[in-house]
C-alpha cells in the first residue's frame, strides 16, 4: 500500500519542485533585469530633459511608454525675482489701438504687425473675460456652495481646452488651477515671438500654412515637414487654416505645456501684485521655446528695437 502511494505521489512531488524552481528562477531573473535597467539621476535627467522632449524626438507618450516614469520637481522661484516685482495699487490704463500706432514701422513690418497684433490683443481680451467668469464662479461657490449645471459644463470646457483634468476634482480647486495657468501673455512678447518664428510673416510656413509660432506636432494630418529637418528628427511644423487659429494654439501652448510652468509661476506673482510692467522677467523664462541659445536675447532685442512695449496697454473695440 505504501509503495502504491509513493508511486502515485512521486510525479506530483517532482512537478512541485519544477514549479518552485521556475518561480524562483523567474523572480531572480526579474530582479537582475530591474538592476540592469536602473539608471542614475543624471541619466534620467538627460533622458527626460523637458527641453529635449519639447524640441526633439517623438511625442512624450511614445518616448516614455516603455521607460521609467519620472517626476522632476520644479525649482522654486528665486526670492530676489519676487522682490523685484512691486505691488501696484493703481489700475492699469488701456488705450484703443488705432492705425496711427503703426506709422513708425517700415512698410514690411507695418503690414505684419497690423495683421497679427489685433488677433493677439483679441486673444488676450478673451482670456480676461474667461478669468472674470472664473472669479465670479469662485465667489458664487464660496457664498452659496453650489453652481448650476450650465456653469459646471462651461467650467469643464475651459479646463479641457487647456489640458487640465476636471473629473473627480472639487470645483473650487479646479477654478484655482485654471486661474493659475490661464492668463494673458503681454502683447509685446507674443508679437515678438511671432515676428521671430515667422520671419515677419515671410517664411514659407507663415505664407502657405498660417504658422506664426513654429509650433511642433507629430500628427501627419496637422503639420508639414521642415525642409532643413535634421536626420532622425520626426517633428513637423503645425499648420493652420488661419492666423487666428495659430495665435489661439500658441496661447494654449504657453498656458498649458509643462515647459512653460516657470513662465506661468512668474506671471502669477505679477498678477497677485497687479504689475506686469517688467516683461523681462517673463521673457527670461522662454528659453525652452527654441534651440537657439540666443533666443531670449533676440526676443529682448526685437521688442526694444521695434518699441513693442507700447502695444502692451492696447485693446481693441468690438
Protein backbone atom coordinates (compact mmCIF):
# COMPACT_ATOMS: atom_id res chain seq x y z
CA UNK A 1 0.00 0.00 0.00
CA UNK A 2 2.83 2.40 0.91
CA UNK A 3 4.58 1.56 -2.34
CA UNK A 4 1.42 2.39 -4.25
CA UNK A 5 1.07 5.76 -2.51
CA UNK A 6 4.71 6.57 -3.14
CA UNK A 7 4.28 5.70 -6.80
CA UNK A 8 1.24 7.99 -7.10
CA UNK A 9 2.76 10.95 -5.14
CA UNK A 10 6.17 10.90 -6.81
CA UNK A 11 5.05 12.67 -10.06
CA UNK A 12 3.31 15.40 -8.04
CA UNK A 13 6.38 15.89 -5.90
CA UNK A 14 8.62 16.24 -8.99
CA UNK A 15 6.15 18.65 -10.63
CA UNK A 16 6.11 20.75 -7.47
CA UNK A 17 9.88 21.00 -7.45
CA UNK A 18 9.92 22.09 -11.10
CA UNK A 19 7.23 24.74 -10.49
CA UNK A 20 9.04 26.06 -7.42
CA UNK A 21 12.38 26.25 -9.19
CA UNK A 22 10.83 28.06 -12.17
CA UNK A 23 9.19 30.53 -9.83
CA UNK A 24 12.45 31.22 -8.05
CA UNK A 25 14.38 31.48 -11.28
CA UNK A 26 11.76 33.80 -12.74
CA UNK A 27 11.94 36.03 -9.68
CA UNK A 28 15.75 36.14 -9.78
CA UNK A 29 15.84 36.94 -13.50
CA UNK A 30 13.32 39.75 -12.93
CA UNK A 31 15.48 41.22 -10.17
CA UNK A 32 18.53 41.06 -12.45
CA UNK A 33 16.57 42.80 -15.25
CA UNK A 34 15.49 45.62 -12.95
CA UNK A 35 19.02 46.08 -11.64
CA UNK A 36 20.49 46.21 -15.15
CA UNK A 37 17.90 48.80 -16.21
CA UNK A 38 18.33 51.06 -13.17
CA UNK A 39 19.63 54.49 -14.16
CA UNK A 40 21.30 57.24 -12.20
CA UNK A 41 19.54 60.53 -11.57
CA UNK A 42 21.89 62.18 -14.06
CA UNK A 43 21.00 59.67 -16.78
CA UNK A 44 17.30 60.10 -16.05
CA UNK A 45 17.54 63.88 -16.32
CA UNK A 46 19.30 63.53 -19.66
CA UNK A 47 16.71 61.06 -20.93
CA UNK A 48 13.72 63.09 -19.86
CA UNK A 49 15.01 66.65 -20.10
CA UNK A 50 11.96 68.85 -20.61
CA UNK A 51 13.71 70.88 -23.26
CA UNK A 52 14.72 67.83 -25.29
CA UNK A 53 11.22 66.39 -25.11
CA UNK A 54 9.82 69.74 -26.21
CA UNK A 55 12.15 70.15 -29.13
CA UNK A 56 13.18 66.74 -30.45
CA UNK A 57 12.07 63.17 -30.97
CA UNK A 58 8.65 61.52 -30.97
CA UNK A 59 5.79 62.58 -28.70
CA UNK A 60 6.30 62.31 -24.96
CA UNK A 61 3.81 59.43 -24.75
CA UNK A 62 5.93 57.42 -27.20
CA UNK A 63 9.22 58.28 -25.52
CA UNK A 64 8.04 57.24 -22.06
CA UNK A 65 5.79 54.31 -22.98
CA UNK A 66 8.47 51.68 -22.33
CA UNK A 67 10.65 53.58 -19.88
CA UNK A 68 10.62 54.65 -16.26
CA UNK A 69 8.19 57.45 -15.37
CA UNK A 70 9.98 60.20 -13.51
CA UNK A 71 8.51 63.24 -11.78
CA UNK A 72 11.01 66.09 -11.97
CA UNK A 73 10.49 68.76 -9.34
CA UNK A 74 10.30 72.34 -10.49
CA UNK A 75 12.80 74.73 -8.97
CA UNK A 76 11.34 77.27 -6.55
CA UNK A 77 11.22 80.85 -7.80
CA UNK A 78 14.18 82.95 -6.79
CA UNK A 79 13.16 85.23 -3.86
CA UNK A 80 15.16 88.06 -5.43
CA UNK A 81 12.97 87.83 -8.52
CA UNK A 82 9.85 88.00 -6.38
CA UNK A 83 11.15 91.08 -4.56
CA UNK A 84 11.74 92.80 -7.92
CA UNK A 85 8.00 92.77 -8.62
CA UNK A 86 6.46 95.63 -6.69
CA UNK A 87 2.79 95.92 -5.78
CA UNK A 88 0.85 98.39 -7.93
CA UNK A 89 -2.33 99.78 -6.45
CA UNK A 90 -3.35 101.91 -9.40
CA UNK A 91 -5.47 100.50 -12.21
CA UNK A 92 -3.68 99.76 -15.46
CA UNK A 93 -4.98 102.19 -18.09
CA UNK A 94 -5.65 100.81 -21.57
CA UNK A 95 -5.99 102.70 -24.82
CA UNK A 96 -7.61 101.66 -28.07
CA UNK A 97 -5.42 100.51 -30.95
CA UNK A 98 -5.52 102.81 -33.98
CA UNK A 99 -3.93 102.93 -37.44
CA UNK A 100 -1.58 105.69 -36.37
CA UNK A 101 0.05 103.34 -33.84
CA UNK A 102 1.83 101.60 -36.72
CA UNK A 103 3.19 104.68 -38.51
CA UNK A 104 6.70 104.42 -37.04
CA UNK A 105 7.30 100.97 -38.59
CA UNK A 106 8.67 100.36 -42.10
CA UNK A 107 6.22 99.03 -44.68
CA UNK A 108 7.10 95.30 -44.29
CA UNK A 109 6.94 95.32 -40.52
CA UNK A 110 3.87 97.53 -40.52
CA UNK A 111 1.98 95.07 -42.72
CA UNK A 112 2.86 92.17 -40.40
CA UNK A 113 2.13 93.94 -37.11
CA UNK A 114 -1.13 95.37 -38.42
CA UNK A 115 -2.29 91.88 -39.39
CA UNK A 116 -1.16 89.95 -36.29
CA UNK A 117 -1.36 92.34 -33.33
CA UNK A 118 -5.19 92.75 -33.33
CA UNK A 119 -5.52 88.94 -33.21
CA UNK A 120 -3.13 88.75 -30.24
CA UNK A 121 -4.97 91.54 -28.42
CA UNK A 122 -8.30 89.84 -29.09
CA UNK A 123 -6.99 86.55 -27.64
CA UNK A 124 -5.84 88.34 -24.50
CA UNK A 125 -9.19 90.06 -24.14
CA UNK A 126 -10.97 86.69 -24.41
CA UNK A 127 -8.73 85.34 -21.65
CA UNK A 128 -9.59 88.32 -19.43
CA UNK A 129 -13.31 87.57 -19.96
CA UNK A 130 -12.67 83.91 -19.10
CA UNK A 131 -10.84 84.90 -15.91
CA UNK A 132 -13.70 87.23 -14.92
CA UNK A 133 -16.15 84.34 -15.35
CA UNK A 134 -13.94 82.07 -13.21
CA UNK A 135 -13.56 84.66 -10.47
CA UNK A 136 -17.34 85.26 -10.41
CA UNK A 137 -17.87 81.50 -10.23
CA UNK A 138 -15.38 81.27 -7.37
CA UNK A 139 -17.25 83.91 -5.36
CA UNK A 140 -20.56 82.16 -6.06
CA UNK A 141 -19.17 78.83 -4.86
CA UNK A 142 -17.72 80.37 -1.72
CA UNK A 143 -21.03 82.09 -0.97
CA UNK A 144 -23.68 79.54 -1.96
CA UNK A 145 -21.58 76.33 -2.05
CA UNK A 146 -23.08 75.36 -5.40
CA UNK A 147 -23.22 76.26 -9.11
CA UNK A 148 -25.69 75.20 -11.80
CA UNK A 149 -25.15 72.55 -14.48
CA UNK A 150 -24.59 75.13 -17.23
CA UNK A 151 -21.81 76.75 -15.21
CA UNK A 152 -20.26 73.36 -14.46
CA UNK A 153 -20.33 72.49 -18.16
CA UNK A 154 -18.66 75.79 -19.10
CA UNK A 155 -16.03 75.34 -16.37
CA UNK A 156 -15.18 71.83 -17.57
CA UNK A 157 -14.99 73.04 -21.15
CA UNK A 158 -12.41 75.69 -20.18
CA UNK A 159 -10.38 73.09 -18.27
CA UNK A 160 -10.45 70.68 -21.21
CA UNK A 161 -9.29 73.38 -23.61
CA UNK A 162 -6.15 73.93 -21.55
CA UNK A 163 -5.48 70.23 -20.86
CA UNK A 164 -6.47 70.43 -17.20
CA UNK A 165 -8.12 67.34 -15.66
CA UNK A 166 -11.52 68.20 -14.24
CA UNK A 167 -13.17 64.90 -13.26
CA UNK A 168 -13.27 63.94 -9.57
CA UNK A 169 -11.94 67.35 -8.58
CA UNK A 170 -13.50 69.91 -6.24
CA UNK A 171 -14.82 72.81 -8.31
CA UNK A 172 -13.02 75.43 -6.21
CA UNK A 173 -9.73 73.58 -6.65
CA UNK A 174 -10.36 73.35 -10.38
CA UNK A 175 -11.04 77.09 -10.64
CA UNK A 176 -7.84 77.88 -8.74
CA UNK A 177 -5.84 75.59 -11.01
CA UNK A 178 -7.22 77.18 -14.17
CA UNK A 179 -6.60 80.69 -12.85
CA UNK A 180 -3.00 79.72 -12.03
CA UNK A 181 -2.37 78.50 -15.58
CA UNK A 182 -4.55 80.58 -17.86
CA UNK A 183 -3.76 84.27 -18.09
CA UNK A 184 -2.70 86.93 -20.58
CA UNK A 185 0.58 86.93 -22.49
CA UNK A 186 1.82 90.52 -22.88
CA UNK A 187 1.13 91.69 -26.43
CA UNK A 188 4.77 92.64 -26.95
CA UNK A 189 6.01 89.12 -26.12
CA UNK A 190 3.52 87.31 -28.35
CA UNK A 191 4.20 89.77 -31.18
CA UNK A 192 7.98 89.40 -30.88
CA UNK A 193 7.75 85.61 -30.90
CA UNK A 194 5.53 85.69 -33.96
CA UNK A 195 7.96 88.03 -35.73
CA UNK A 196 10.97 85.83 -35.00
CA UNK A 197 9.32 82.47 -35.67
CA UNK A 198 7.66 83.56 -38.92
CA UNK A 199 10.35 85.89 -40.28
CA UNK A 200 7.91 88.79 -40.00
CA UNK A 201 5.33 86.73 -41.87
CA UNK A 202 7.65 85.98 -44.81
CA UNK A 203 8.53 82.36 -44.00
CA UNK A 204 7.13 79.51 -46.07
CA UNK A 205 5.22 78.22 -43.05
CA UNK A 206 3.59 81.59 -42.41
CA UNK A 207 2.66 82.31 -46.02
CA UNK A 208 1.48 78.83 -47.02
CA UNK A 209 0.34 77.30 -43.73
CA UNK A 210 -0.52 80.29 -41.47
CA UNK A 211 2.05 79.05 -38.93
CA UNK A 212 3.24 82.09 -36.97
CA UNK A 213 4.92 80.47 -33.97
CA UNK A 214 6.80 77.44 -35.35
CA UNK A 215 4.90 75.02 -33.13
CA UNK A 216 5.84 71.34 -33.37
CA UNK A 217 3.46 68.46 -33.97
CA UNK A 218 3.85 64.74 -34.71
CA UNK A 219 0.45 64.35 -36.33
CA UNK A 220 0.91 63.85 -40.08
CA UNK A 221 -2.53 65.37 -40.69
CA UNK A 222 -1.75 68.60 -38.85
CA UNK A 223 1.76 69.56 -39.95
CA UNK A 224 4.33 69.92 -42.71
CA UNK A 225 7.90 68.64 -42.85
CA UNK A 226 10.59 71.33 -42.35
CA UNK A 227 12.93 71.46 -45.34
CA UNK A 228 16.02 71.56 -43.12
CA UNK A 229 14.92 68.99 -40.55
CA UNK A 230 17.90 67.07 -39.17
CA UNK A 231 18.25 63.36 -39.92
CA UNK A 232 16.44 61.32 -37.29
CA UNK A 233 14.07 64.11 -36.23
CA UNK A 234 10.39 63.32 -36.68
CA UNK A 235 8.70 66.59 -35.82
CA UNK A 236 6.50 68.58 -38.19
CA UNK A 237 5.56 72.25 -38.10
CA UNK A 238 1.92 72.60 -37.13
CA UNK A 239 -0.21 74.14 -39.89
CA UNK A 240 -3.39 76.21 -39.51
CA UNK A 241 -6.33 77.38 -41.58
CA UNK A 242 -5.86 80.98 -40.41
CA UNK A 243 -3.66 83.31 -38.37
CA UNK A 244 -6.39 83.35 -35.73
CA UNK A 245 -6.06 79.61 -35.15
CA UNK A 246 -2.27 79.87 -34.99
CA UNK A 247 -2.45 82.58 -32.32
CA UNK A 248 -5.05 80.61 -30.33
CA UNK A 249 -2.85 77.49 -30.42
CA UNK A 250 0.17 79.49 -29.24
CA UNK A 251 -1.75 80.86 -26.25
CA UNK A 252 -2.92 77.37 -25.35
CA UNK A 253 0.67 76.09 -25.60
CA UNK A 254 2.12 78.73 -23.26
CA UNK A 255 -0.82 78.37 -20.86
CA UNK A 256 -0.75 74.57 -20.63
CA UNK A 257 2.59 72.99 -21.55
CA UNK A 258 4.81 71.99 -18.64
CA UNK A 259 7.85 73.53 -20.39
CA UNK A 260 6.43 76.99 -19.58
CA UNK A 261 5.43 76.40 -15.96
CA UNK A 262 8.10 78.80 -14.68
CA UNK A 263 6.76 81.44 -17.06
CA UNK A 264 3.31 80.95 -15.54
CA UNK A 265 4.68 80.97 -11.98
CA UNK A 266 6.32 84.36 -12.51
CA UNK A 267 3.18 85.64 -14.20
CA UNK A 268 1.10 84.55 -11.18
CA UNK A 269 3.27 86.70 -8.93
CA UNK A 270 2.81 89.61 -11.33
CA UNK A 271 -0.94 89.04 -11.29
CA UNK A 272 -1.05 88.93 -7.49
CA UNK A 273 0.82 92.25 -7.34
CA UNK A 274 -1.12 93.82 -10.22
CA UNK A 275 2.15 94.59 -12.00
CA UNK A 276 3.03 93.34 -15.49
CA UNK A 277 5.44 96.18 -16.24
CA UNK A 278 8.70 94.20 -16.14
CA UNK A 279 8.18 91.78 -19.01
CA UNK A 280 11.89 90.87 -18.97
CA UNK A 281 11.13 88.56 -16.06
CA UNK A 282 8.74 86.64 -18.32
CA UNK A 283 10.99 86.70 -21.36
CA UNK A 284 13.76 85.04 -19.37
CA UNK A 285 11.50 82.03 -18.83
CA UNK A 286 11.07 81.34 -22.55
CA UNK A 287 14.49 79.81 -23.19
CA UNK A 288 12.94 76.37 -23.81
CA UNK A 289 10.84 77.66 -26.72
CA UNK A 290 13.67 77.27 -29.27
CA UNK A 291 17.02 75.51 -29.59
CA UNK A 292 18.81 78.79 -30.26
CA UNK A 293 20.86 79.73 -27.19
CA UNK A 294 20.35 83.41 -28.09
CA UNK A 295 16.59 83.10 -28.37
CA UNK A 296 15.74 85.11 -25.25
CA UNK A 297 18.30 87.79 -26.14
CA UNK A 298 16.76 88.04 -29.61
CA UNK A 299 13.29 88.47 -28.09
CA UNK A 300 14.57 91.32 -25.92
CA UNK A 301 16.21 92.91 -28.97
CA UNK A 302 13.14 92.68 -31.21
CA UNK A 303 10.88 94.20 -28.53
CA UNK A 304 13.30 97.01 -27.73
CA UNK A 305 14.31 97.84 -31.30
CA UNK A 306 10.71 97.93 -32.53
CA UNK A 307 9.23 99.57 -29.43
CA UNK A 308 6.70 96.77 -28.99
CA UNK A 309 6.20 97.68 -25.32
CA UNK A 310 3.87 100.44 -26.46
CA UNK A 311 1.36 97.78 -27.51
CA UNK A 312 1.05 96.16 -24.06
CA UNK A 313 -1.58 98.67 -22.98
CA UNK A 314 -3.59 98.44 -26.21
CA UNK A 315 -7.08 96.97 -26.54
CA UNK A 316 -9.47 96.77 -29.48
CA UNK A 317 -13.17 97.60 -29.69
CA UNK A 318 -15.73 95.11 -30.98
